[in-house]
Amino acid sequence: MAHTAPRTMIRTRQRRQGRRHPLVATLMALPLAALLLLVFDGWETVATQASSVGVMLGR
């Protein structure tokens, strides 16, 4: 095999493991939630769909 240059520290650095802060997760989910409210015509429909998904996942 050919000799290749060693990897730099930037590539070998591992990403930080763990959970996101709840505020960051909320800020990531809000635009999608707003879009779903517009597409599915209101809060009741979105709540019903979310409930159905929760039941399907066993929660």
C-alpha atoms as a PDB file:
ATOM      1  CA  MET A   1       0.000   0.000   0.000  1.00  0.00           C
ATOM      2  CA  ALA A   2       1.089   3.542  -0.635  1.00  0.00           C
ATOM      3  CA  HIS A   3       2.202   5.710   2.247  1.00  0.00           C
ATOM      4  CA  THR A   4      -0.354   8.415   2.934  1.00  0.00           C
ATOM      5  CA  ALA A   5      -0.056  11.546   5.013  1.00  0.00           C
ATOM      6  CA  PRO A   6      -1.264  11.232   8.607  1.00  0.00           C
ATOM      7  CA  ARG A   7      -4.659  12.622   9.420  1.00  0.00           C
ATOM      8  CA  THR A   8      -4.806  16.088  10.834  1.00  0.00           C
ATOM      9  CA  MET A   9      -6.160  16.814  14.279  1.00  0.00           C
ATOM     10  CA  ILE A  10      -9.207  18.486  12.745  1.00  0.00           C
ATOM     11  CA  ARG A  11     -10.313  15.268  11.088  1.00  0.00           C
ATOM     12  CA  THR A  12      -9.564  12.977  13.998  1.00  0.00           C
ATOM     13  CA  ARG A  13     -11.287  15.113  16.612  1.00  0.00           C
ATOM     14  CA  GLN A  14     -14.451  13.432  17.740  1.00  0.00           C
ATOM     15  CA  ARG A  15     -17.714  15.267  17.978  1.00  0.00           C
ATOM     16  CA  ARG A  16     -19.011  16.032  21.418  1.00  0.00           C
ATOM     17  CA  GLN A  17     -21.284  13.253  22.545  1.00  0.00           C
ATOM     18  CA  GLY A  18     -24.359  13.733  24.662  1.00  0.00           C
ATOM     19  CA  ARG A  19     -27.764  15.283  24.577  1.00  0.00           C
ATOM     20  CA  ARG A  20     -28.767  18.658  23.235  1.00  0.00           C
ATOM     21  CA  HIS A  21     -29.903  21.341  25.592  1.00  0.00           C
ATOM     22  CA  PRO A  22     -33.733  21.341  25.688  1.00  0.00           C
ATOM     23  CA  LEU A  23     -33.860  24.960  24.534  1.00  0.00           C
ATOM     24  CA  VAL A  24     -31.755  24.141  21.447  1.00  0.00           C
ATOM     25  CA  ALA A  25     -33.973  21.172  20.632  1.00  0.00           C
ATOM     26  CA  THR A  26     -37.064  23.368  21.007  1.00  0.00           C
ATOM     27  CA  LEU A  27     -35.650  26.060  18.731  1.00  0.00           C
ATOM     28  CA  MET A  28     -34.862  23.406  16.122  1.00  0.00           C
ATOM     29  CA  ALA A  29     -38.394  21.967  16.261  1.00  0.00           C
ATOM     30  CA  LEU A  30     -40.403  25.215  16.236  1.00  0.00           C
ATOM     31  CA  PRO A  31     -40.063  26.022  12.505  1.00  0.00           C
ATOM     32  CA  LEU A  32     -41.216  22.524  11.577  1.00  0.00           C
ATOM     33  CA  ALA A  33     -44.108  22.750  14.018  1.00  0.00           C
ATOM     34  CA  ALA A  34     -45.204  26.063  12.513  1.00  0.00           C
ATOM     35  CA  LEU A  35     -45.024  24.591   9.018  1.00  0.00           C
ATOM     36  CA  LEU A  36     -47.112  21.602  10.081  1.00  0.00           C
ATOM     37  CA  LEU A  37     -49.722  23.922  11.569  1.00  0.00           C
ATOM     38  CA  LEU A  38     -50.032  25.720   8.239  1.00  0.00           C
ATOM     39  CA  VAL A  39     -50.006  22.602   6.068  1.00  0.00           C
ATOM     40  CA  PHE A  40     -52.420  20.521   8.157  1.00  0.00           C
ATOM     41  CA  ASP A  41     -54.906  23.342   8.742  1.00  0.00           C
ATOM     42  CA  GLY A  42     -54.762  23.995  12.443  1.00  0.00           C
ATOM     43  CA  TRP A  43     -53.763  22.863  15.883  1.00  0.00           C
ATOM     44  CA  GLU A  44     -56.379  20.129  16.347  1.00  0.00           C
ATOM     45  CA  THR A  45     -55.247  18.159  13.308  1.00  0.00           C
ATOM     46  CA  VAL A  46     -51.579  18.396  14.287  1.00  0.00           C
ATOM     47  CA  ALA A  47     -52.398  17.332  17.864  1.00  0.00           C
ATOM     48  CA  THR A  48     -54.399  14.368  16.566  1.00  0.00           C
ATOM     49  CA  GLN A  49     -51.564  13.288  14.278  1.00  0.00           C
ATOM     50  CA  ALA A  50     -49.001  13.660  17.066  1.00  0.00           C
ATOM     51  CA  SER A  51     -51.183  11.590  19.360  1.00  0.00           C
ATOM     52  CA  SER A  52     -51.489   8.871  16.716  1.00  0.00           C
ATOM     53  CA  VAL A  53     -47.735   8.775  16.254  1.00  0.00           C
ATOM     54  CA  GLY A  54     -47.247   8.592  20.020  1.00  0.00           C
ATOM     55  CA  VAL A  55     -49.632   5.629  20.236  1.00  0.00           C
ATOM     56  CA  MET A  56     -47.865   3.939  17.339  1.00  0.00           C
ATOM     57  CA  LEU A  57     -44.512   4.370  19.098  1.00  0.00           C
ATOM     58  CA  GLY A  58     -45.959   3.002  22.310  1.00  0.00           C
ATOM     59  CA  ARG A  59     -45.978   6.168  24.419  1.00  0.00           C
END
